[in-house]
């Protein structure tokens, strides 16, 4: 009887969570940028360079009433907002950030260069009046920018982070850089993977290596955190999406040291986030979650997924073919 009850419990808890599909476009469209926008809506930035609001209710039509822009951008890889502006980041050989006023009465295309050369942007992070923008290395050092006035003006960070051979950052989901308790932090990848941080708004920088596999397409693709001490980095090699070894490392001491997951995600992962005691990660072959700071992961879907966000009750997963999955958060 006890064995039967145990088997029933295992079957019950092993059952994948129910989810809804929010379809917002056709099969050729996907969004690497997804943000929780309001109680009822998600904000997406698409591979066509468009930003749209979609309803969180699968039975309601897609809403597209955000202010339009006269500016042309090729692809949105990241978006963020503060109390004054919306920001949409384009990743391209000549990258731009589109800044929109909430009331729609002003839009501005911000151009960024490094050593007077074009820069490939990887992620934008905002916290109150602060902003931190990350770009790939140009002429041997990373392109790093900051704002201290809500994004009204931007400047290069005073301190330099010199890149190592074939080291850069990934714009797979716009989650390689963050502002955590006022610290600027980011992760790199390639033949060298590092956790890099500044405690003085980019004036000086420190770094620690994370032991991801070394190759031009390897390394850390996304960083999430519970607090400044507990961090989780996911990635791997996108050319080997089903390889699970060395796809996740976690730190419990603020990034000073990193440990590999005991039971890692099921393959390459492009995005990871934290919500209510649980980490969620997604990639080409599915979605996983961890309830123990990234040490052990369990798969919940096999969808080809790009990026993630949450609200108080649900996980939203941006997938290929113009759709978003809505999944109840793990308790």
C-alpha atoms as a PDB file:
ATOM      1  CA  UNK A   1       0.000   0.000   0.000  1.00  0.00           C
ATOM      2  CA  UNK A   2       2.830   2.384   0.907  1.00  0.00           C
ATOM      3  CA  UNK A   3       4.626   1.571  -2.366  1.00  0.00           C
ATOM      4  CA  UNK A   4       1.449   2.263  -4.366  1.00  0.00           C
ATOM      5  CA  UNK A   5       0.903   5.578  -2.578  1.00  0.00           C
ATOM      6  CA  UNK A   6       4.518   6.574  -3.221  1.00  0.00           C
ATOM      7  CA  UNK A   7       4.200   5.780  -6.918  1.00  0.00           C
ATOM      8  CA  UNK A   8       1.013   7.815  -7.154  1.00  0.00           C
ATOM      9  CA  UNK A   9       2.727  10.790  -5.498  1.00  0.00           C
ATOM     10  CA  UNK A  10       5.707  10.515  -7.836  1.00  0.00           C
ATOM     11  CA  UNK A  11       3.443  10.403 -10.880  1.00  0.00           C
ATOM     12  CA  UNK A  12       1.457  13.361  -9.588  1.00  0.00           C
ATOM     13  CA  UNK A  13       4.436  15.571  -8.877  1.00  0.00           C
ATOM     14  CA  UNK A  14       6.314  14.503 -12.027  1.00  0.00           C
ATOM     15  CA  UNK A  15       3.431  15.650 -14.222  1.00  0.00           C
ATOM     16  CA  UNK A  16       4.511  18.713 -16.232  1.00  0.00           C
ATOM     17  CA  UNK A  17       2.786  21.960 -15.270  1.00  0.00           C
ATOM     18  CA  UNK A  18      -0.140  23.163 -17.313  1.00  0.00           C
ATOM     19  CA  UNK A  19       0.484  26.158 -19.523  1.00  0.00           C
ATOM     20  CA  UNK A  20      -1.316  28.536 -21.840  1.00  0.00           C
ATOM     21  CA  UNK A  21      -0.010  29.699 -25.205  1.00  0.00           C
ATOM     22  CA  UNK A  22      -0.127  33.424 -25.974  1.00  0.00           C
ATOM     23  CA  UNK A  23       0.223  33.786 -29.758  1.00  0.00           C
ATOM     24  CA  UNK A  24       1.167  37.271 -30.909  1.00  0.00           C
ATOM     25  CA  UNK A  25       2.618  36.853 -34.415  1.00  0.00           C
ATOM     26  CA  UNK A  26       3.531  34.456 -37.212  1.00  0.00           C
ATOM     27  CA  UNK A  27       6.136  31.728 -37.402  1.00  0.00           C
ATOM     28  CA  UNK A  28       8.907  34.061 -38.576  1.00  0.00           C
ATOM     29  CA  UNK A  29       8.780  36.320 -35.510  1.00  0.00           C
ATOM     30  CA  UNK A  30      10.369  35.796 -32.118  1.00  0.00           C
ATOM     31  CA  UNK A  31      11.226  37.986 -29.136  1.00  0.00           C
ATOM     32  CA  UNK A  32      14.497  37.761 -27.256  1.00  0.00           C
ATOM     33  CA  UNK A  33      13.306  40.580 -25.010  1.00  0.00           C
ATOM     34  CA  UNK A  34      10.321  39.961 -22.724  1.00  0.00           C
ATOM     35  CA  UNK A  35       9.377  42.122 -19.754  1.00  0.00           C
ATOM     36  CA  UNK A  36       6.550  42.154 -17.230  1.00  0.00           C
ATOM     37  CA  UNK A  37       4.905  45.471 -18.120  1.00  0.00           C
ATOM     38  CA  UNK A  38       1.675  45.733 -16.136  1.00  0.00           C
ATOM     39  CA  UNK A  39      -0.910  43.645 -14.342  1.00  0.00           C
ATOM     40  CA  UNK A  40      -2.391  42.559 -17.650  1.00  0.00           C
ATOM     41  CA  UNK A  41       0.369  42.950 -20.249  1.00  0.00           C
ATOM     42  CA  UNK A  42       3.830  41.843 -21.348  1.00  0.00           C
ATOM     43  CA  UNK A  43       6.269  43.990 -23.307  1.00  0.00           C
ATOM     44  CA  UNK A  44       8.110  42.250 -26.153  1.00  0.00           C
ATOM     45  CA  UNK A  45      10.969  43.364 -28.396  1.00  0.00           C
ATOM     46  CA  UNK A  46      11.099  41.329 -31.603  1.00  0.00           C
ATOM     47  CA  UNK A  47      13.615  40.238 -34.210  1.00  0.00           C
ATOM     48  CA  UNK A  48      11.852  42.603 -36.641  1.00  0.00           C
ATOM     49  CA  UNK A  49      12.785  45.612 -34.506  1.00  0.00           C
ATOM     50  CA  UNK A  50       9.248  46.137 -33.214  1.00  0.00           C
ATOM     51  CA  UNK A  51       8.059  46.587 -29.644  1.00  0.00           C
ATOM     52  CA  UNK A  52       4.584  45.387 -28.770  1.00  0.00           C
ATOM     53  CA  UNK A  53       2.348  44.850 -25.784  1.00  0.00           C
ATOM     54  CA  UNK A  54       0.534  41.540 -25.566  1.00  0.00           C
ATOM     55  CA  UNK A  55      -2.235  40.524 -23.215  1.00  0.00           C
ATOM     56  CA  UNK A  56      -1.508  38.003 -20.478  1.00  0.00           C
ATOM     57  CA  UNK A  57      -4.957  36.544 -21.166  1.00  0.00           C
ATOM     58  CA  UNK A  58      -4.779  34.064 -24.030  1.00  0.00           C
ATOM     59  CA  UNK A  59      -8.449  34.696 -24.846  1.00  0.00           C
ATOM     60  CA  UNK A  60      -7.884  38.407 -25.502  1.00  0.00           C
ATOM     61  CA  UNK A  61      -6.378  39.838 -28.693  1.00  0.00           C
ATOM     62  CA  UNK A  62      -2.868  41.191 -28.844  1.00  0.00           C
ATOM     63  CA  UNK A  63      -2.725  44.887 -27.991  1.00  0.00           C
ATOM     64  CA  UNK A  64      -0.298  47.109 -29.896  1.00  0.00           C
ATOM     65  CA  UNK A  65      -0.968  50.613 -28.622  1.00  0.00           C
ATOM     66  CA  UNK A  66       2.522  51.543 -27.503  1.00  0.00           C
ATOM     67  CA  UNK A  67       3.790  54.807 -29.014  1.00  0.00           C
ATOM     68  CA  UNK A  68       5.213  54.280 -32.481  1.00  0.00           C
ATOM     69  CA  UNK A  69       8.563  55.637 -33.588  1.00  0.00           C
ATOM     70  CA  UNK A  70       9.868  57.217 -36.771  1.00  0.00           C
ATOM     71  CA  UNK A  71      13.237  55.565 -36.168  1.00  0.00           C
ATOM     72  CA  UNK A  72      14.227  52.282 -37.785  1.00  0.00           C
ATOM     73  CA  UNK A  73      15.916  49.614 -35.690  1.00  0.00           C
ATOM     74  CA  UNK A  74      16.787  46.159 -36.971  1.00  0.00           C
ATOM     75  CA  UNK A  75      16.361  43.882 -33.958  1.00  0.00           C
ATOM     76  CA  UNK A  76      15.522  44.411 -30.297  1.00  0.00           C
ATOM     77  CA  UNK A  77      17.599  42.226 -27.983  1.00  0.00           C
ATOM     78  CA  UNK A  78      16.790  43.912 -24.665  1.00  0.00           C
ATOM     79  CA  UNK A  79      14.348  46.381 -23.133  1.00  0.00           C
ATOM     80  CA  UNK A  80      14.006  48.034 -19.750  1.00  0.00           C
ATOM     81  CA  UNK A  81      12.165  50.899 -18.104  1.00  0.00           C
ATOM     82  CA  UNK A  82      12.362  53.431 -15.293  1.00  0.00           C
ATOM     83  CA  UNK A  83       9.951  56.070 -14.062  1.00  0.00           C
ATOM     84  CA  UNK A  84      10.722  58.396 -16.983  1.00  0.00           C
ATOM     85  CA  UNK A  85      11.531  56.321 -20.070  1.00  0.00           C
ATOM     86  CA  UNK A  86      11.225  53.041 -21.940  1.00  0.00           C
ATOM     87  CA  UNK A  87      14.457  51.774 -23.514  1.00  0.00           C
ATOM     88  CA  UNK A  88      14.787  49.350 -26.437  1.00  0.00           C
ATOM     89  CA  UNK A  89      18.269  48.079 -27.279  1.00  0.00           C
ATOM     90  CA  UNK A  90      19.290  47.047 -30.770  1.00  0.00           C
ATOM     91  CA  UNK A  91      22.172  44.627 -31.242  1.00  0.00           C
ATOM     92  CA  UNK A  92      23.888  45.149 -34.541  1.00  0.00           C
ATOM     93  CA  UNK A  93      27.274  46.236 -35.837  1.00  0.00           C
ATOM     94  CA  UNK A  94      26.062  49.807 -35.375  1.00  0.00           C
ATOM     95  CA  UNK A  95      23.969  49.546 -32.244  1.00  0.00           C
ATOM     96  CA  UNK A  96      21.448  52.018 -30.983  1.00  0.00           C
ATOM     97  CA  UNK A  97      19.138  52.410 -27.997  1.00  0.00           C
ATOM     98  CA  UNK A  98      15.676  53.790 -28.643  1.00  0.00           C
ATOM     99  CA  UNK A  99      14.423  55.901 -25.735  1.00  0.00           C
ATOM    100  CA  UNK A 100      10.706  56.539 -25.455  1.00  0.00           C
ATOM    101  CA  UNK A 101       8.857  58.843 -23.061  1.00  0.00           C
ATOM    102  CA  UNK A 102       6.022  57.090 -21.260  1.00  0.00           C
ATOM    103  CA  UNK A 103       3.536  59.599 -22.676  1.00  0.00           C
ATOM    104  CA  UNK A 104       4.731  58.958 -26.213  1.00  0.00           C
ATOM    105  CA  UNK A 105       5.554  62.629 -26.843  1.00  0.00           C
ATOM    106  CA  UNK A 106       9.269  62.069 -27.304  1.00  0.00           C
ATOM    107  CA  UNK A 107      11.412  59.374 -28.843  1.00  0.00           C
ATOM    108  CA  UNK A 108      15.145  59.545 -29.318  1.00  0.00           C
ATOM    109  CA  UNK A 109      17.658  57.230 -30.961  1.00  0.00           C
ATOM    110  CA  UNK A 110      20.797  57.107 -28.815  1.00  0.00           C
ATOM    111  CA  UNK A 111      23.970  56.193 -30.707  1.00  0.00           C
ATOM    112  CA  UNK A 112      26.902  54.544 -28.951  1.00  0.00           C
ATOM    113  CA  UNK A 113      30.490  54.133 -30.070  1.00  0.00           C
ATOM    114  CA  UNK A 114      33.690  52.931 -28.405  1.00  0.00           C
ATOM    115  CA  UNK A 115      37.091  54.273 -29.422  1.00  0.00           C
ATOM    116  CA  UNK A 116      35.102  56.160 -32.082  1.00  0.00           C
ATOM    117  CA  UNK A 117      34.050  52.827 -33.624  1.00  0.00           C
ATOM    118  CA  UNK A 118      30.695  51.004 -33.820  1.00  0.00           C
ATOM    119  CA  UNK A 119      29.869  48.705 -30.928  1.00  0.00           C
ATOM    120  CA  UNK A 120      27.733  45.580 -30.585  1.00  0.00           C
ATOM    121  CA  UNK A 121      25.478  46.041 -27.541  1.00  0.00           C
ATOM    122  CA  UNK A 122      24.634  43.086 -25.268  1.00  0.00           C
ATOM    123  CA  UNK A 123      22.360  44.314 -22.473  1.00  0.00           C
ATOM    124  CA  UNK A 124      20.835  47.294 -20.693  1.00  0.00           C
ATOM    125  CA  UNK A 125      20.045  47.344 -16.957  1.00  0.00           C
ATOM    126  CA  UNK A 126      18.228  50.049 -14.973  1.00  0.00           C
ATOM    127  CA  UNK A 127      17.739  50.584 -11.249  1.00  0.00           C
ATOM    128  CA  UNK A 128      16.094  53.816 -10.083  1.00  0.00           C
ATOM    129  CA  UNK A 129      18.162  56.679 -11.575  1.00  0.00           C
ATOM    130  CA  UNK A 130      21.053  54.386 -12.515  1.00  0.00           C
ATOM    131  CA  UNK A 131      21.620  52.640 -15.817  1.00  0.00           C
ATOM    132  CA  UNK A 132      24.342  50.275 -17.027  1.00  0.00           C
ATOM    133  CA  UNK A 133      24.808  49.440 -20.715  1.00  0.00           C
ATOM    134  CA  UNK A 134      27.179  46.683 -21.869  1.00  0.00           C
ATOM    135  CA  UNK A 135      28.804  46.195 -25.258  1.00  0.00           C
ATOM    136  CA  UNK A 136      31.359  43.829 -26.763  1.00  0.00           C
ATOM    137  CA  UNK A 137      35.060  44.700 -26.649  1.00  0.00           C
ATOM    138  CA  UNK A 138      36.447  47.162 -29.189  1.00  0.00           C
ATOM    139  CA  UNK A 139      40.229  47.463 -29.540  1.00  0.00           C
ATOM    140  CA  UNK A 140      40.844  45.327 -26.485  1.00  0.00           C
ATOM    141  CA  UNK A 141      38.370  46.544 -23.850  1.00  0.00           C
ATOM    142  CA  UNK A 142      34.645  46.178 -23.200  1.00  0.00           C
ATOM    143  CA  UNK A 143      32.267  48.976 -24.150  1.00  0.00           C
ATOM    144  CA  UNK A 144      30.714  50.074 -20.843  1.00  0.00           C
ATOM    145  CA  UNK A 145      28.332  52.999 -20.325  1.00  0.00           C
ATOM    146  CA  UNK A 146      26.428  54.471 -17.410  1.00  0.00           C
ATOM    147  CA  UNK A 147      23.716  56.970 -16.602  1.00  0.00           C
ATOM    148  CA  UNK A 148      22.937  58.561 -13.258  1.00  0.00           C
ATOM    149  CA  UNK A 149      19.951  60.643 -14.354  1.00  0.00           C
ATOM    150  CA  UNK A 150      17.390  58.031 -15.490  1.00  0.00           C
ATOM    151  CA  UNK A 151      18.945  57.785 -18.966  1.00  0.00           C
ATOM    152  CA  UNK A 152      18.655  61.454 -19.873  1.00  0.00           C
ATOM    153  CA  UNK A 153      22.373  61.352 -20.661  1.00  0.00           C
ATOM    154  CA  UNK A 154      24.942  58.549 -20.909  1.00  0.00           C
ATOM    155  CA  UNK A 155      28.711  58.439 -20.606  1.00  0.00           C
ATOM    156  CA  UNK A 156      31.471  55.854 -20.862  1.00  0.00           C
ATOM    157  CA  UNK A 157      32.329  54.232 -17.528  1.00  0.00           C
ATOM    158  CA  UNK A 158      35.624  55.711 -16.250  1.00  0.00           C
ATOM    159  CA  UNK A 159      37.250  52.325 -15.593  1.00  0.00           C
ATOM    160  CA  UNK A 160      38.285  49.884 -18.305  1.00  0.00           C
ATOM    161  CA  UNK A 161      37.797  46.109 -18.448  1.00  0.00           C
ATOM    162  CA  UNK A 162      40.389  44.653 -20.798  1.00  0.00           C
ATOM    163  CA  UNK A 163      39.221  41.613 -22.732  1.00  0.00           C
ATOM    164  CA  UNK A 164      41.127  38.373 -23.037  1.00  0.00           C
ATOM    165  CA  UNK A 165      41.565  36.406 -26.277  1.00  0.00           C
ATOM    166  CA  UNK A 166      38.196  35.672 -27.917  1.00  0.00           C
ATOM    167  CA  UNK A 167      36.279  36.961 -24.893  1.00  0.00           C
ATOM    168  CA  UNK A 168      33.065  38.909 -25.329  1.00  0.00           C
ATOM    169  CA  UNK A 169      29.505  38.998 -23.977  1.00  0.00           C
ATOM    170  CA  UNK A 170      26.328  37.431 -25.345  1.00  0.00           C
ATOM    171  CA  UNK A 171      23.153  39.261 -26.316  1.00  0.00           C
ATOM    172  CA  UNK A 172      21.083  36.062 -26.421  1.00  0.00           C
ATOM    173  CA  UNK A 173      18.457  37.377 -23.987  1.00  0.00           C
ATOM    174  CA  UNK A 174      19.779  40.711 -22.720  1.00  0.00           C
ATOM    175  CA  UNK A 175      20.539  39.215 -19.303  1.00  0.00           C
ATOM    176  CA  UNK A 176      24.326  39.274 -19.145  1.00  0.00           C
ATOM    177  CA  UNK A 177      24.466  42.474 -17.092  1.00  0.00           C
ATOM    178  CA  UNK A 178      22.622  43.781 -14.026  1.00  0.00           C
ATOM    179  CA  UNK A 179      22.651  46.412 -11.318  1.00  0.00           C
ATOM    180  CA  UNK A 180      22.521  44.617  -7.955  1.00  0.00           C
ATOM    181  CA  UNK A 181      22.316  46.801  -4.845  1.00  0.00           C
ATOM    182  CA  UNK A 182      24.080  49.572  -6.735  1.00  0.00           C
ATOM    183  CA  UNK A 183      26.882  47.343  -8.104  1.00  0.00           C
ATOM    184  CA  UNK A 184      27.382  47.017 -11.863  1.00  0.00           C
ATOM    185  CA  UNK A 185      27.888  43.320 -12.712  1.00  0.00           C
ATOM    186  CA  UNK A 186      28.222  41.332 -15.923  1.00  0.00           C
ATOM    187  CA  UNK A 187      29.403  37.994 -17.288  1.00  0.00           C
ATOM    188  CA  UNK A 188      31.553  37.252 -20.314  1.00  0.00           C
ATOM    189  CA  UNK A 189      31.954  34.189 -22.521  1.00  0.00           C
ATOM    190  CA  UNK A 190      33.989  32.640 -25.286  1.00  0.00           C
ATOM    191  CA  UNK A 191      37.424  31.180 -24.668  1.00  0.00           C
ATOM    192  CA  UNK A 192      37.350  32.881 -21.246  1.00  0.00           C
ATOM    193  CA  UNK A 193      34.300  33.255 -19.005  1.00  0.00           C
ATOM    194  CA  UNK A 194      34.361  35.763 -16.155  1.00  0.00           C
ATOM    195  CA  UNK A 195      32.128  37.374 -13.565  1.00  0.00           C
ATOM    196  CA  UNK A 196      33.038  41.062 -13.594  1.00  0.00           C
ATOM    197  CA  UNK A 197      31.809  43.734 -11.204  1.00  0.00           C
ATOM    198  CA  UNK A 198      32.204  47.330 -10.068  1.00  0.00           C
ATOM    199  CA  UNK A 199      31.295  48.679  -6.633  1.00  0.00           C
ATOM    200  CA  UNK A 200      31.775  52.331  -7.651  1.00  0.00           C
ATOM    201  CA  UNK A 201      29.586  52.783 -10.744  1.00  0.00           C
ATOM    202  CA  UNK A 202      32.210  51.671 -13.226  1.00  0.00           C
ATOM    203  CA  UNK A 203      35.168  53.618 -11.906  1.00  0.00           C
ATOM    204  CA  UNK A 204      37.078  50.419 -11.055  1.00  0.00           C
ATOM    205  CA  UNK A 205      36.439  46.761 -11.827  1.00  0.00           C
ATOM    206  CA  UNK A 206      37.214  43.310 -10.423  1.00  0.00           C
ATOM    207  CA  UNK A 207      36.820  39.899 -12.047  1.00  0.00           C
ATOM    208  CA  UNK A 208      36.808  36.165 -11.278  1.00  0.00           C
ATOM    209  CA  UNK A 209      36.881  33.321 -13.793  1.00  0.00           C
ATOM    210  CA  UNK A 210      33.897  30.966 -14.033  1.00  0.00           C
ATOM    211  CA  UNK A 211      34.945  27.445 -15.151  1.00  0.00           C
ATOM    212  CA  UNK A 212      32.718  27.108 -18.228  1.00  0.00           C
ATOM    213  CA  UNK A 213      34.165  25.188 -21.173  1.00  0.00           C
ATOM    214  CA  UNK A 214      36.481  27.278 -23.358  1.00  0.00           C
ATOM    215  CA  UNK A 215      35.541  27.775 -27.016  1.00  0.00           C
ATOM    216  CA  UNK A 216      34.411  30.650 -29.232  1.00  0.00           C
ATOM    217  CA  UNK A 217      30.717  29.769 -28.731  1.00  0.00           C
ATOM    218  CA  UNK A 218      30.969  28.612 -25.103  1.00  0.00           C
ATOM    219  CA  UNK A 219      30.563  30.322 -21.786  1.00  0.00           C
ATOM    220  CA  UNK A 220      28.015  32.191 -19.697  1.00  0.00           C
ATOM    221  CA  UNK A 221      25.006  33.511 -21.620  1.00  0.00           C
ATOM    222  CA  UNK A 222      22.830  34.727 -18.761  1.00  0.00           C
ATOM    223  CA  UNK A 223      23.071  35.747 -15.103  1.00  0.00           C
ATOM    224  CA  UNK A 224      20.392  35.803 -12.396  1.00  0.00           C
ATOM    225  CA  UNK A 225      20.500  36.513  -8.689  1.00  0.00           C
ATOM    226  CA  UNK A 226      18.568  36.183  -5.467  1.00  0.00           C
ATOM    227  CA  UNK A 227      20.669  38.879  -3.813  1.00  0.00           C
ATOM    228  CA  UNK A 228      24.197  40.223  -4.131  1.00  0.00           C
ATOM    229  CA  UNK A 229      25.595  37.050  -2.522  1.00  0.00           C
ATOM    230  CA  UNK A 230      23.647  34.359  -4.404  1.00  0.00           C
ATOM    231  CA  UNK A 231      24.222  34.269  -8.165  1.00  0.00           C
ATOM    232  CA  UNK A 232      23.513  31.770 -10.947  1.00  0.00           C
ATOM    233  CA  UNK A 233      25.083  31.777 -14.425  1.00  0.00           C
ATOM    234  CA  UNK A 234      23.856  29.569 -17.272  1.00  0.00           C
ATOM    235  CA  UNK A 235      25.087  28.964 -20.799  1.00  0.00           C
ATOM    236  CA  UNK A 236      27.095  26.248 -22.481  1.00  0.00           C
ATOM    237  CA  UNK A 237      27.609  26.016 -26.232  1.00  0.00           C
ATOM    238  CA  UNK A 238      24.680  26.962 -28.462  1.00  0.00           C
ATOM    239  CA  UNK A 239      26.099  24.820 -31.285  1.00  0.00           C
ATOM    240  CA  UNK A 240      25.643  21.767 -29.013  1.00  0.00           C
ATOM    241  CA  UNK A 241      22.198  22.460 -27.515  1.00  0.00           C
ATOM    242  CA  UNK A 242      21.772  19.003 -25.944  1.00  0.00           C
ATOM    243  CA  UNK A 243      25.111  18.970 -24.101  1.00  0.00           C
ATOM    244  CA  UNK A 244      24.304  19.400 -20.399  1.00  0.00           C
ATOM    245  CA  UNK A 245      27.808  19.318 -18.900  1.00  0.00           C
ATOM    246  CA  UNK A 246      29.029  22.715 -17.690  1.00  0.00           C
ATOM    247  CA  UNK A 247      25.804  24.564 -18.478  1.00  0.00           C
ATOM    248  CA  UNK A 248      25.330  26.114 -15.018  1.00  0.00           C
ATOM    249  CA  UNK A 249      27.502  27.459 -12.210  1.00  0.00           C
ATOM    250  CA  UNK A 250      26.379  29.115  -8.982  1.00  0.00           C
ATOM    251  CA  UNK A 251      28.007  31.317  -6.361  1.00  0.00           C
ATOM    252  CA  UNK A 252      27.014  31.830  -2.731  1.00  0.00           C
ATOM    253  CA  UNK A 253      29.706  34.388  -1.897  1.00  0.00           C
ATOM    254  CA  UNK A 254      28.931  37.235  -4.269  1.00  0.00           C
ATOM    255  CA  UNK A 255      30.843  35.826  -7.221  1.00  0.00           C
ATOM    256  CA  UNK A 256      34.173  35.225  -5.500  1.00  0.00           C
ATOM    257  CA  UNK A 257      33.927  31.480  -6.222  1.00  0.00           C
ATOM    258  CA  UNK A 258      31.743  29.329  -8.468  1.00  0.00           C
ATOM    259  CA  UNK A 259      30.548  25.709  -8.293  1.00  0.00           C
ATOM    260  CA  UNK A 260      29.106  23.531 -11.049  1.00  0.00           C
ATOM    261  CA  UNK A 261      25.553  22.247 -10.705  1.00  0.00           C
ATOM    262  CA  UNK A 262      25.285  18.702  -9.403  1.00  0.00           C
ATOM    263  CA  UNK A 263      22.372  18.016 -11.763  1.00  0.00           C
ATOM    264  CA  UNK A 264      22.618  20.741 -14.428  1.00  0.00           C
ATOM    265  CA  UNK A 265      19.993  22.018 -16.844  1.00  0.00           C
ATOM    266  CA  UNK A 266      19.213  19.705 -19.753  1.00  0.00           C
ATOM    267  CA  UNK A 267      21.364  21.561 -22.274  1.00  0.00           C
ATOM    268  CA  UNK A 268      22.523  24.959 -23.480  1.00  0.00           C
ATOM    269  CA  UNK A 269      20.614  27.769 -21.757  1.00  0.00           C
ATOM    270  CA  UNK A 270      20.268  31.348 -23.014  1.00  0.00           C
ATOM    271  CA  UNK A 271      18.307  32.878 -20.135  1.00  0.00           C
ATOM    272  CA  UNK A 272      17.903  32.466 -16.375  1.00  0.00           C
ATOM    273  CA  UNK A 273      15.794  34.400 -13.866  1.00  0.00           C
ATOM    274  CA  UNK A 274      14.886  34.199 -10.174  1.00  0.00           C
ATOM    275  CA  UNK A 275      11.405  34.417  -8.634  1.00  0.00           C
ATOM    276  CA  UNK A 276      10.057  33.470  -5.205  1.00  0.00           C
ATOM    277  CA  UNK A 277      12.854  31.112  -4.219  1.00  0.00           C
ATOM    278  CA  UNK A 278      13.108  29.406  -7.623  1.00  0.00           C
ATOM    279  CA  UNK A 279      15.481  29.822 -10.582  1.00  0.00           C
ATOM    280  CA  UNK A 280      14.156  29.209 -14.100  1.00  0.00           C
ATOM    281  CA  UNK A 281      16.342  28.684 -17.179  1.00  0.00           C
ATOM    282  CA  UNK A 282      15.498  28.143 -20.833  1.00  0.00           C
ATOM    283  CA  UNK A 283      17.228  27.281 -24.080  1.00  0.00           C
ATOM    284  CA  UNK A 284      16.980  25.504 -27.392  1.00  0.00           C
ATOM    285  CA  UNK A 285      15.761  22.174 -25.986  1.00  0.00           C
ATOM    286  CA  UNK A 286      13.554  23.284 -23.117  1.00  0.00           C
ATOM    287  CA  UNK A 287      12.914  24.906 -19.743  1.00  0.00           C
ATOM    288  CA  UNK A 288      14.219  23.868 -16.307  1.00  0.00           C
ATOM    289  CA  UNK A 289      13.881  25.081 -12.728  1.00  0.00           C
ATOM    290  CA  UNK A 290      15.941  24.852  -9.541  1.00  0.00           C
ATOM    291  CA  UNK A 291      14.817  25.321  -5.947  1.00  0.00           C
ATOM    292  CA  UNK A 292      18.302  25.026  -4.409  1.00  0.00           C
ATOM    293  CA  UNK A 293      20.287  27.999  -5.787  1.00  0.00           C
ATOM    294  CA  UNK A 294      21.090  26.259  -9.063  1.00  0.00           C
ATOM    295  CA  UNK A 295      22.584  23.079  -7.644  1.00  0.00           C
ATOM    296  CA  UNK A 296      19.917  20.725  -9.068  1.00  0.00           C
ATOM    297  CA  UNK A 297      17.596  21.321 -12.021  1.00  0.00           C
ATOM    298  CA  UNK A 298      14.378  19.669 -13.190  1.00  0.00           C
ATOM    299  CA  UNK A 299      12.981  19.935 -16.712  1.00  0.00           C
ATOM    300  CA  UNK A 300       9.419  21.188 -17.207  1.00  0.00           C
ATOM    301  CA  UNK A 301       9.196  21.665 -20.986  1.00  0.00           C
ATOM    302  CA  UNK A 302      10.912  20.783 -24.257  1.00  0.00           C
ATOM    303  CA  UNK A 303       9.931  24.004 -26.036  1.00  0.00           C
ATOM    304  CA  UNK A 304      12.580  25.907 -28.003  1.00  0.00           C
ATOM    305  CA  UNK A 305      12.706  28.959 -25.738  1.00  0.00           C
ATOM    306  CA  UNK A 306      14.645  32.234 -25.829  1.00  0.00           C
ATOM    307  CA  UNK A 307      13.994  34.332 -22.730  1.00  0.00           C
ATOM    308  CA  UNK A 308      11.948  34.617 -19.537  1.00  0.00           C
ATOM    309  CA  UNK A 309      10.119  36.938 -17.180  1.00  0.00           C
ATOM    310  CA  UNK A 310       7.702  36.526 -14.258  1.00  0.00           C
ATOM    311  CA  UNK A 311       4.972  38.314 -12.406  1.00  0.00           C
ATOM    312  CA  UNK A 312       3.550  37.379  -8.998  1.00  0.00           C
ATOM    313  CA  UNK A 313       1.876  34.183 -10.215  1.00  0.00           C
ATOM    314  CA  UNK A 314       3.269  33.106 -13.571  1.00  0.00           C
ATOM    315  CA  UNK A 315       6.392  32.422 -15.580  1.00  0.00           C
ATOM    316  CA  UNK A 316       6.309  33.781 -19.138  1.00  0.00           C
ATOM    317  CA  UNK A 317       8.587  32.144 -21.696  1.00  0.00           C
ATOM    318  CA  UNK A 318       9.267  33.731 -25.067  1.00  0.00           C
ATOM    319  CA  UNK A 319       9.521  30.986 -27.679  1.00  0.00           C
ATOM    320  CA  UNK A 320      10.034  30.758 -31.422  1.00  0.00           C
ATOM    321  CA  UNK A 321       7.168  31.042 -33.919  1.00  0.00           C
ATOM    322  CA  UNK A 322       5.554  34.110 -32.390  1.00  0.00           C
ATOM    323  CA  UNK A 323       4.368  32.674 -29.103  1.00  0.00           C
ATOM    324  CA  UNK A 324       4.789  33.022 -25.343  1.00  0.00           C
ATOM    325  CA  UNK A 325       4.142  30.264 -22.811  1.00  0.00           C
ATOM    326  CA  UNK A 326       2.355  31.180 -19.579  1.00  0.00           C
ATOM    327  CA  UNK A 327       3.185  28.721 -16.767  1.00  0.00           C
ATOM    328  CA  UNK A 328       2.254  28.801 -13.092  1.00  0.00           C
ATOM    329  CA  UNK A 329       5.229  29.504 -10.856  1.00  0.00           C
ATOM    330  CA  UNK A 330       6.650  26.526  -8.971  1.00  0.00           C
ATOM    331  CA  UNK A 331       5.751  26.588  -5.275  1.00  0.00           C
END
